């Protein structure tokens, strides 16, 4: 995977999508769901290939991380996790995803 330097969250998501990371992943209570295909994965069925962290321009607490993820069946996608207290991602499940970050 190419290593990028992005200035904005939307630039990261758009570029990764153009590179083939078409799926949107979301960490739910007991699985990580691919929102378009409706497939469900466990953390050991995924690998984080890269991650990109962003801070809010006006409020440092508006941080987010974009993960570039590959599933064991070849599906590529991204997962966006807000670092605010109001996100809806299962952080414990995300932390269990193996990483091959560059």
Protein backbone atom coordinates (compact mmCIF):
# COMPACT_ATOMS: atom_id res chain seq x y z
CA UNK A 1 0.00 0.00 0.00
CA UNK A 2 1.21 3.50 -0.81
CA UNK A 3 1.90 5.73 2.15
CA UNK A 4 0.00 9.01 2.00
CA UNK A 5 0.00 12.30 3.83
CA UNK A 6 -3.50 13.77 3.90
CA UNK A 7 -4.52 17.23 5.05
CA UNK A 8 -8.19 16.41 5.66
CA UNK A 9 -10.37 13.48 6.60
CA UNK A 10 -12.43 13.79 3.42
CA UNK A 11 -9.27 13.79 1.28
CA UNK A 12 -8.17 10.56 2.96
CA UNK A 13 -11.50 8.80 2.47
CA UNK A 14 -11.83 9.98 -1.15
CA UNK A 15 -8.28 8.98 -2.11
CA UNK A 16 -8.53 5.58 -0.44
CA UNK A 17 -11.86 5.00 -2.18
CA UNK A 18 -10.20 5.76 -5.54
CA UNK A 19 -7.46 3.25 -4.60
CA UNK A 20 -10.08 0.51 -4.22
CA UNK A 21 -11.08 0.87 -0.56
CA UNK A 22 -14.77 0.95 -1.47
CA UNK A 23 -16.39 -0.61 1.61
CA UNK A 24 -17.28 1.25 4.80
CA UNK A 25 -16.64 -0.73 7.96
CA UNK A 26 -18.28 -0.08 11.30
CA UNK A 27 -17.44 -1.75 14.62
CA UNK A 28 -20.70 -2.80 16.25
CA UNK A 29 -21.32 -4.63 19.51
CA UNK A 30 -20.20 -8.11 18.44
CA UNK A 31 -18.83 -7.79 14.90
CA UNK A 32 -17.38 -5.42 12.35
CA UNK A 33 -19.94 -4.85 9.64
CA UNK A 34 -19.29 -3.94 6.02
CA UNK A 35 -22.10 -1.46 5.46
CA UNK A 36 -22.53 -1.89 1.69
CA UNK A 37 -22.21 -5.66 1.38
CA UNK A 38 -23.77 -6.33 4.81
CA UNK A 39 -21.00 -8.85 5.55
CA UNK A 40 -19.96 -9.38 9.15
CA UNK A 41 -16.36 -9.92 10.25
CA UNK A 42 -14.52 -10.73 13.43
CA UNK A 43 -11.31 -8.79 14.14
CA UNK A 44 -9.10 -11.76 13.22
CA UNK A 45 -10.65 -11.74 9.72
CA UNK A 46 -9.36 -8.21 9.06
CA UNK A 47 -6.04 -6.39 8.97
CA UNK A 48 -5.34 -2.68 9.33
CA UNK A 49 -2.99 -1.72 6.52
CA UNK A 50 -2.66 1.96 7.43
CA UNK A 51 -4.15 4.58 9.70
CA UNK A 52 -4.38 8.35 9.40
CA UNK A 53 -5.14 10.65 12.31
CA UNK A 54 -6.73 14.08 12.01
CA UNK A 55 -7.29 16.90 14.48
CA UNK A 56 -10.10 19.40 14.22
CA UNK A 57 -9.09 22.80 12.88
CA UNK A 58 -10.83 24.76 15.63
CA UNK A 59 -11.20 22.20 18.39
CA UNK A 60 -8.44 19.66 19.14
CA UNK A 61 -11.05 17.32 20.65
CA UNK A 62 -12.54 16.93 17.17
CA UNK A 63 -10.04 14.20 16.34
CA UNK A 64 -10.70 11.26 14.06
CA UNK A 65 -8.77 8.31 12.69
CA UNK A 66 -9.25 6.68 9.28
CA UNK A 67 -8.23 3.04 9.03
CA UNK A 68 -7.48 1.36 5.68
CA UNK A 69 -8.65 -2.22 6.16
CA UNK A 70 -8.42 -5.45 4.19
CA UNK A 71 -10.66 -8.43 4.94
CA UNK A 72 -9.51 -12.03 4.57
CA UNK A 73 -11.87 -12.40 1.59
CA UNK A 74 -10.15 -9.53 -0.26
CA UNK A 75 -12.66 -6.78 0.54
CA UNK A 76 -10.98 -3.39 1.00
CA UNK A 77 -12.53 -0.54 2.91
CA UNK A 78 -12.16 2.22 5.43
CA UNK A 79 -13.33 2.75 8.96
CA UNK A 80 -13.62 6.24 10.43
CA UNK A 81 -13.48 6.52 14.18
CA UNK A 82 -14.07 9.79 15.95
CA UNK A 83 -11.97 10.21 19.06
CA UNK A 84 -14.72 12.19 20.76
CA UNK A 85 -16.81 10.70 23.53
CA UNK A 86 -19.82 10.66 21.21
CA UNK A 87 -18.62 8.11 18.65
CA UNK A 88 -20.58 4.91 18.07
CA UNK A 89 -17.70 2.52 17.30
CA UNK A 90 -16.78 -0.44 19.51
CA UNK A 91 -13.21 0.57 20.40
CA UNK A 92 -12.43 -2.77 22.07
CA UNK A 93 -13.28 -4.61 18.85
CA UNK A 94 -11.19 -2.21 16.74
CA UNK A 95 -8.18 -2.71 19.02
CA UNK A 96 -8.37 -6.45 18.36
CA UNK A 97 -7.86 -6.01 14.59
CA UNK A 98 -4.29 -7.04 13.68
CA UNK A 99 -2.20 -4.27 12.21
CA UNK A 100 0.30 -4.15 9.37
CA UNK A 101 0.50 -0.34 9.45
CA UNK A 102 3.18 1.43 7.52
